[in-house]
């Protein structure tokens, strides 16, 4: 069971913000450093850790959002398509994290695995395999950015009347 509050603050917005910050950050970092061999070797581990942190944030946001959804519906409030956005964000954050883990594993241990399996140069691609993996990872990173960034942009809620005063509230899209 995932707690509904962390440090006295509702857990769902914290988890959502962890996901929508960490996943695009890792994706941009991957795109920025993946083309350079020295940078790949140095930065794939931190990128992988940040992407896994973002995927965990998306998972916990999905879990806390599920309990929040049931509470809101029990109170008679509409939730709309928001839970679907959370499911999509979780799936793409998980896919992106898996790609980052794969890139890091290949960068760190690819040659050792090839040697242990007895794979010779005969089985190598005619171009740099790291570059090929990077070329596969970039579209996944872009998809992760395109999925997460719109969730960070707040939507304007309708104007509400409270005690004679008119006030406009902002409601974040991902909360």
C-alpha atoms as a PDB file:
ATOM      1  CA  UNK A   1       0.000   0.000   0.000  1.00  0.00           C
ATOM      2  CA  UNK A   2       1.344   3.386  -1.028  1.00  0.00           C
ATOM      3  CA  UNK A   3       0.854   6.174   1.534  1.00  0.00           C
ATOM      4  CA  UNK A   4      -1.486   8.962   0.500  1.00  0.00           C
ATOM      5  CA  UNK A   5       0.632  11.610   2.253  1.00  0.00           C
ATOM      6  CA  UNK A   6       4.386  12.187   2.500  1.00  0.00           C
ATOM      7  CA  UNK A   7       5.760  14.678   5.001  1.00  0.00           C
ATOM      8  CA  UNK A   8       2.229  15.991   5.489  1.00  0.00           C
ATOM      9  CA  UNK A   9       1.824  16.729   1.778  1.00  0.00           C
ATOM     10  CA  UNK A  10      -0.433  14.726  -0.561  1.00  0.00           C
ATOM     11  CA  UNK A  11       1.744  12.041  -2.174  1.00  0.00           C
ATOM     12  CA  UNK A  12       0.184  12.104  -5.641  1.00  0.00           C
ATOM     13  CA  UNK A  13       1.377  15.588  -6.692  1.00  0.00           C
ATOM     14  CA  UNK A  14       4.864  14.853  -5.336  1.00  0.00           C
ATOM     15  CA  UNK A  15       5.123  11.633  -7.315  1.00  0.00           C
ATOM     16  CA  UNK A  16       3.706  13.230 -10.452  1.00  0.00           C
ATOM     17  CA  UNK A  17       6.225  16.032 -10.267  1.00  0.00           C
ATOM     18  CA  UNK A  18       9.070  13.581  -9.709  1.00  0.00           C
ATOM     19  CA  UNK A  19       8.071  11.775 -12.907  1.00  0.00           C
ATOM     20  CA  UNK A  20       7.448  14.839 -15.076  1.00  0.00           C
ATOM     21  CA  UNK A  21      10.774  16.369 -14.056  1.00  0.00           C
ATOM     22  CA  UNK A  22      13.080  13.332 -13.985  1.00  0.00           C
ATOM     23  CA  UNK A  23      11.963  11.576 -17.180  1.00  0.00           C
ATOM     24  CA  UNK A  24      12.386  14.580 -19.529  1.00  0.00           C
ATOM     25  CA  UNK A  25      15.631  15.509 -17.752  1.00  0.00           C
ATOM     26  CA  UNK A  26      17.044  12.032 -18.371  1.00  0.00           C
ATOM     27  CA  UNK A  27      15.738  12.039 -21.951  1.00  0.00           C
ATOM     28  CA  UNK A  28      17.358  15.371 -22.763  1.00  0.00           C
ATOM     29  CA  UNK A  29      20.603  14.224 -21.142  1.00  0.00           C
ATOM     30  CA  UNK A  30      20.558  11.013 -23.172  1.00  0.00           C
ATOM     31  CA  UNK A  31      20.043  12.916 -26.401  1.00  0.00           C
ATOM     32  CA  UNK A  32      22.788  15.407 -25.474  1.00  0.00           C
ATOM     33  CA  UNK A  33      25.528  12.950 -24.472  1.00  0.00           C
ATOM     34  CA  UNK A  34      24.757   9.735 -26.349  1.00  0.00           C
ATOM     35  CA  UNK A  35      26.483  10.707 -29.571  1.00  0.00           C
ATOM     36  CA  UNK A  36      29.909  11.128 -27.908  1.00  0.00           C
ATOM     37  CA  UNK A  37      31.757   7.941 -26.872  1.00  0.00           C
ATOM     38  CA  UNK A  38      33.563   9.490 -23.882  1.00  0.00           C
ATOM     39  CA  UNK A  39      30.403  11.164 -22.617  1.00  0.00           C
ATOM     40  CA  UNK A  40      28.420   7.943 -23.046  1.00  0.00           C
ATOM     41  CA  UNK A  41      30.874   6.070 -20.898  1.00  0.00           C
ATOM     42  CA  UNK A  42      30.849   8.759 -18.223  1.00  0.00           C
ATOM     43  CA  UNK A  43      27.160   9.742 -18.134  1.00  0.00           C
ATOM     44  CA  UNK A  44      25.064   6.674 -19.021  1.00  0.00           C
ATOM     45  CA  UNK A  45      25.006   5.500 -15.396  1.00  0.00           C
ATOM     46  CA  UNK A  46      23.639   8.797 -13.971  1.00  0.00           C
ATOM     47  CA  UNK A  47      21.167   9.046 -16.871  1.00  0.00           C
ATOM     48  CA  UNK A  48      20.002   5.504 -16.202  1.00  0.00           C
ATOM     49  CA  UNK A  49      19.563   6.219 -12.482  1.00  0.00           C
ATOM     50  CA  UNK A  50      17.561   9.396 -13.172  1.00  0.00           C
ATOM     51  CA  UNK A  51      15.359   7.594 -15.704  1.00  0.00           C
ATOM     52  CA  UNK A  52      14.675   4.753 -13.263  1.00  0.00           C
ATOM     53  CA  UNK A  53      13.842   7.366 -10.602  1.00  0.00           C
ATOM     54  CA  UNK A  54      11.398   8.979 -13.033  1.00  0.00           C
ATOM     55  CA  UNK A  55       9.809   5.621 -13.834  1.00  0.00           C
ATOM     56  CA  UNK A  56       9.441   4.893 -10.126  1.00  0.00           C
ATOM     57  CA  UNK A  57       7.872   8.334  -9.685  1.00  0.00           C
ATOM     58  CA  UNK A  58       5.418   7.533 -12.500  1.00  0.00           C
ATOM     59  CA  UNK A  59       4.606   4.170 -10.906  1.00  0.00           C
ATOM     60  CA  UNK A  60       3.958   5.692  -7.486  1.00  0.00           C
ATOM     61  CA  UNK A  61       1.982   8.545  -9.065  1.00  0.00           C
ATOM     62  CA  UNK A  62      -0.188   5.945 -10.754  1.00  0.00           C
ATOM     63  CA  UNK A  63      -0.674   4.071  -7.473  1.00  0.00           C
ATOM     64  CA  UNK A  64      -1.477   7.167  -5.404  1.00  0.00           C
ATOM     65  CA  UNK A  65      -3.659   8.507  -8.209  1.00  0.00           C
ATOM     66  CA  UNK A  66      -5.718   5.330  -8.194  1.00  0.00           C
ATOM     67  CA  UNK A  67      -6.679   5.766  -4.542  1.00  0.00           C
ATOM     68  CA  UNK A  68      -7.271   9.475  -5.127  1.00  0.00           C
ATOM     69  CA  UNK A  69      -9.533   8.669  -8.096  1.00  0.00           C
ATOM     70  CA  UNK A  70     -11.690   6.382  -5.974  1.00  0.00           C
ATOM     71  CA  UNK A  71     -11.933   9.002  -3.221  1.00  0.00           C
ATOM     72  CA  UNK A  72     -12.917  11.728  -5.702  1.00  0.00           C
ATOM     73  CA  UNK A  73     -15.540   9.552  -7.369  1.00  0.00           C
ATOM     74  CA  UNK A  74     -16.947   8.602  -3.958  1.00  0.00           C
ATOM     75  CA  UNK A  75     -17.280  12.342  -3.248  1.00  0.00           C
ATOM     76  CA  UNK A  76     -19.201  12.768  -6.515  1.00  0.00           C
ATOM     77  CA  UNK A  77     -16.466  14.610  -8.408  1.00  0.00           C
ATOM     78  CA  UNK A  78     -15.472  13.983 -12.015  1.00  0.00           C
ATOM     79  CA  UNK A  79     -11.998  12.746 -12.767  1.00  0.00           C
ATOM     80  CA  UNK A  80     -12.127  12.884 -16.568  1.00  0.00           C
ATOM     81  CA  UNK A  81      -9.351  11.409 -18.716  1.00  0.00           C
ATOM     82  CA  UNK A  82      -6.652  12.114 -16.177  1.00  0.00           C
ATOM     83  CA  UNK A  83      -6.156   8.463 -15.100  1.00  0.00           C
ATOM     84  CA  UNK A  84      -5.503   7.523 -18.732  1.00  0.00           C
ATOM     85  CA  UNK A  85      -2.747  10.118 -18.924  1.00  0.00           C
ATOM     86  CA  UNK A  86      -1.165   8.596 -15.831  1.00  0.00           C
ATOM     87  CA  UNK A  87      -1.256   5.115 -17.319  1.00  0.00           C
ATOM     88  CA  UNK A  88       0.345   6.340 -20.552  1.00  0.00           C
ATOM     89  CA  UNK A  89       3.004   8.255 -18.635  1.00  0.00           C
ATOM     90  CA  UNK A  90       3.808   5.199 -16.535  1.00  0.00           C
ATOM     91  CA  UNK A  91       4.152   2.920 -19.574  1.00  0.00           C
ATOM     92  CA  UNK A  92       6.386   5.326 -21.485  1.00  0.00           C
ATOM     93  CA  UNK A  93       8.496   6.166 -18.426  1.00  0.00           C
ATOM     94  CA  UNK A  94       8.984   2.439 -17.846  1.00  0.00           C
ATOM     95  CA  UNK A  95       9.904   1.863 -21.500  1.00  0.00           C
ATOM     96  CA  UNK A  96      12.365   4.743 -21.434  1.00  0.00           C
ATOM     97  CA  UNK A  97      13.935   3.489 -18.189  1.00  0.00           C
ATOM     98  CA  UNK A  98      14.298  -0.001 -19.695  1.00  0.00           C
ATOM     99  CA  UNK A  99      16.024   1.495 -22.744  1.00  0.00           C
ATOM    100  CA  UNK A 100      18.384   3.469 -20.497  1.00  0.00           C
ATOM    101  CA  UNK A 101      19.204   0.371 -18.437  1.00  0.00           C
ATOM    102  CA  UNK A 102      19.925  -1.522 -21.669  1.00  0.00           C
ATOM    103  CA  UNK A 103      22.166   1.256 -22.987  1.00  0.00           C
ATOM    104  CA  UNK A 104      24.107   1.421 -19.751  1.00  0.00           C
ATOM    105  CA  UNK A 105      24.497  -2.368 -19.555  1.00  0.00           C
ATOM    106  CA  UNK A 106      25.752  -2.534 -23.136  1.00  0.00           C
ATOM    107  CA  UNK A 107      28.114   0.401 -22.621  1.00  0.00           C
ATOM    108  CA  UNK A 108      29.487  -0.992 -19.357  1.00  0.00           C
ATOM    109  CA  UNK A 109      29.512  -4.731 -20.023  1.00  0.00           C
ATOM    110  CA  UNK A 110      28.986  -5.240 -23.762  1.00  0.00           C
ATOM    111  CA  UNK A 111      32.543  -6.299 -24.577  1.00  0.00           C
ATOM    112  CA  UNK A 112      32.780  -8.625 -21.565  1.00  0.00           C
ATOM    113  CA  UNK A 113      29.532 -10.328 -22.540  1.00  0.00           C
ATOM    114  CA  UNK A 114      30.733 -10.710 -26.141  1.00  0.00           C
ATOM    115  CA  UNK A 115      33.964 -12.301 -24.939  1.00  0.00           C
ATOM    116  CA  UNK A 116      32.196 -14.720 -22.568  1.00  0.00           C
ATOM    117  CA  UNK A 117      29.734 -15.802 -25.239  1.00  0.00           C
ATOM    118  CA  UNK A 118      32.522 -16.207 -27.760  1.00  0.00           C
ATOM    119  CA  UNK A 119      31.040 -13.722 -30.191  1.00  0.00           C
ATOM    120  CA  UNK A 120      33.768 -12.711 -32.587  1.00  0.00           C
ATOM    121  CA  UNK A 121      34.036  -9.806 -34.973  1.00  0.00           C
ATOM    122  CA  UNK A 122      32.161 -11.970 -37.458  1.00  0.00           C
ATOM    123  CA  UNK A 123      28.943 -11.138 -35.612  1.00  0.00           C
ATOM    124  CA  UNK A 124      29.548  -7.405 -35.384  1.00  0.00           C
ATOM    125  CA  UNK A 125      27.532  -4.837 -37.253  1.00  0.00           C
ATOM    126  CA  UNK A 126      29.366  -2.985 -40.031  1.00  0.00           C
ATOM    127  CA  UNK A 127      29.040   0.201 -37.939  1.00  0.00           C
ATOM    128  CA  UNK A 128      29.436   1.177 -34.289  1.00  0.00           C
ATOM    129  CA  UNK A 129      26.880  -0.740 -32.235  1.00  0.00           C
ATOM    130  CA  UNK A 130      26.701   1.976 -29.579  1.00  0.00           C
ATOM    131  CA  UNK A 131      25.707   4.463 -32.254  1.00  0.00           C
ATOM    132  CA  UNK A 132      23.031   2.062 -33.492  1.00  0.00           C
ATOM    133  CA  UNK A 133      21.648   1.651 -29.969  1.00  0.00           C
ATOM    134  CA  UNK A 134      21.713   5.437 -29.533  1.00  0.00           C
ATOM    135  CA  UNK A 135      19.788   5.831 -32.800  1.00  0.00           C
ATOM    136  CA  UNK A 136      17.142   3.438 -31.447  1.00  0.00           C
ATOM    137  CA  UNK A 137      17.036   5.154 -28.038  1.00  0.00           C
ATOM    138  CA  UNK A 138      16.586   8.730 -29.315  1.00  0.00           C
ATOM    139  CA  UNK A 139      13.021   8.221 -30.625  1.00  0.00           C
ATOM    140  CA  UNK A 140      12.057   6.597 -27.312  1.00  0.00           C
ATOM    141  CA  UNK A 141      13.580   9.579 -25.464  1.00  0.00           C
ATOM    142  CA  UNK A 142      11.695  12.019 -27.693  1.00  0.00           C
ATOM    143  CA  UNK A 143       8.467  10.092 -27.096  1.00  0.00           C
ATOM    144  CA  UNK A 144       9.074  10.294 -23.346  1.00  0.00           C
ATOM    145  CA  UNK A 145       9.586  14.058 -23.597  1.00  0.00           C
ATOM    146  CA  UNK A 146       6.492  14.539 -25.757  1.00  0.00           C
ATOM    147  CA  UNK A 147       4.454  12.519 -23.273  1.00  0.00           C
ATOM    148  CA  UNK A 148       5.687  14.120 -20.050  1.00  0.00           C
ATOM    149  CA  UNK A 149       6.116  17.784 -20.966  1.00  0.00           C
ATOM    150  CA  UNK A 150       2.428  18.486 -21.777  1.00  0.00           C
ATOM    151  CA  UNK A 151       1.548  17.081 -18.355  1.00  0.00           C
ATOM    152  CA  UNK A 152       3.609  19.794 -16.690  1.00  0.00           C
ATOM    153  CA  UNK A 153       1.649  22.612 -18.311  1.00  0.00           C
ATOM    154  CA  UNK A 154      -1.190  23.730 -16.052  1.00  0.00           C
ATOM    155  CA  UNK A 155      -4.759  24.045 -17.264  1.00  0.00           C
ATOM    156  CA  UNK A 156      -6.898  26.985 -16.289  1.00  0.00           C
ATOM    157  CA  UNK A 157      -9.891  25.946 -14.241  1.00  0.00           C
ATOM    158  CA  UNK A 158     -13.199  27.706 -14.723  1.00  0.00           C
ATOM    159  CA  UNK A 159     -13.799  30.814 -12.679  1.00  0.00           C
ATOM    160  CA  UNK A 160     -15.453  29.999  -9.356  1.00  0.00           C
ATOM    161  CA  UNK A 161     -17.451  32.170  -6.994  1.00  0.00           C
ATOM    162  CA  UNK A 162     -16.532  31.954  -3.336  1.00  0.00           C
ATOM    163  CA  UNK A 163     -18.183  34.092  -0.678  1.00  0.00           C
ATOM    164  CA  UNK A 164     -19.057  36.862  -3.066  1.00  0.00           C
ATOM    165  CA  UNK A 165     -15.599  37.094  -4.632  1.00  0.00           C
ATOM    166  CA  UNK A 166     -14.652  35.783  -8.037  1.00  0.00           C
ATOM    167  CA  UNK A 167     -11.481  33.790  -8.212  1.00  0.00           C
ATOM    168  CA  UNK A 168      -9.747  31.824 -10.957  1.00  0.00           C
ATOM    169  CA  UNK A 169      -7.935  28.734  -9.855  1.00  0.00           C
ATOM    170  CA  UNK A 170      -5.138  26.976 -11.654  1.00  0.00           C
ATOM    171  CA  UNK A 171      -5.224  23.274 -11.731  1.00  0.00           C
ATOM    172  CA  UNK A 172      -2.086  21.388 -12.833  1.00  0.00           C
ATOM    173  CA  UNK A 173      -2.778  18.923 -15.609  1.00  0.00           C
ATOM    174  CA  UNK A 174      -0.897  16.079 -13.931  1.00  0.00           C
ATOM    175  CA  UNK A 175      -2.186  16.358 -10.370  1.00  0.00           C
END
